[in-house]
Amino acid sequence: MQECLSASEQEYLKTVLLVQQKTGHVTIQALAARMEIKPASVSAMIRRLAQDEDAQGAYVMHTPYQGVTLTRRGEKVAMELLRHQRLLELFLATTLDMSWEQVHDEAEHLAPFISEDLEERIAARLGHPARDQHGDPIPSREGIVDLTDDMPLSALEVGMQAKVVRVPDEDPALLRYLATLGLIPGAWITVEARTPYGDILTVRMGEATHPLAGEVARGVSISAMSRRSAQASLEEQERKHEKFLT
């Protein structure tokens, strides 16, 4: 990082960005909950980041009782740190064979300290990927993230199927569980049923069906463009099979 910020300050800016992307509104309480830090400590850091100490501009704007937003300067730092972390996650998973539930924490610790030269070498080695192994989009060098095709699995209608593009990566235990279901980026998933109460979806991957909590389904992203009728897909597969036999 070219900015003279501590790893902790960079992490705060990244967290503001992630909460903004997820909920559209960032509060001190939301930051404290995500970072597992007392609200008073979060408030103190946000006040520091909102100050223009070097006459180059503040990193955040904070309006009491309204929320926290990144300035252009703060967003640049946050995007760059996010790019570092997600490239590192993919590098650790593909090059060092670390499990996908381990790489998040390791990459998070390393990301503030790698140079821009190392970042570019890692990106080139990986073939300049657009997403990491969890499906999280990797910001471009210009700080651009494309989420236009992503939609939550919970919004998929019963009887429809789509391709999974992203899974939540904050909880290693959840990642291990999703892996046992085969619910990983690239997998096709069908919503078989939805309970009227209890917020439970029945989903199918391959030949197996599983119950999935609504909270988990909301954290999984599918490709909106890949949506198709499960019945139509089955009929297409049958036609291909019959053509193959003849």
Foldseek 3Di string as FASTA:
>chain_A
DPDPDDLVLLVLLLLLVVCCVQPVFAALVVSCVVVVHDSVVSVVSLVVQQDPPPVPHGQWDDDPPGGIDGDPVSLLSNLQLQLQLQLQLQCCCPPVVDDNLPSNVVSSVCSVPDDPVVSVVSCVVVVNDQGGQQLHGRADNVSDHDCPFKDFQLPADAQKKFFWRHFDRPDSVVVVVCVVQVNGGGFMKHFHDADPPQQWTWMDTDHDIDIDHNVRRRRTITGNVGMDGPVVVVVVVVVVVVVVVD
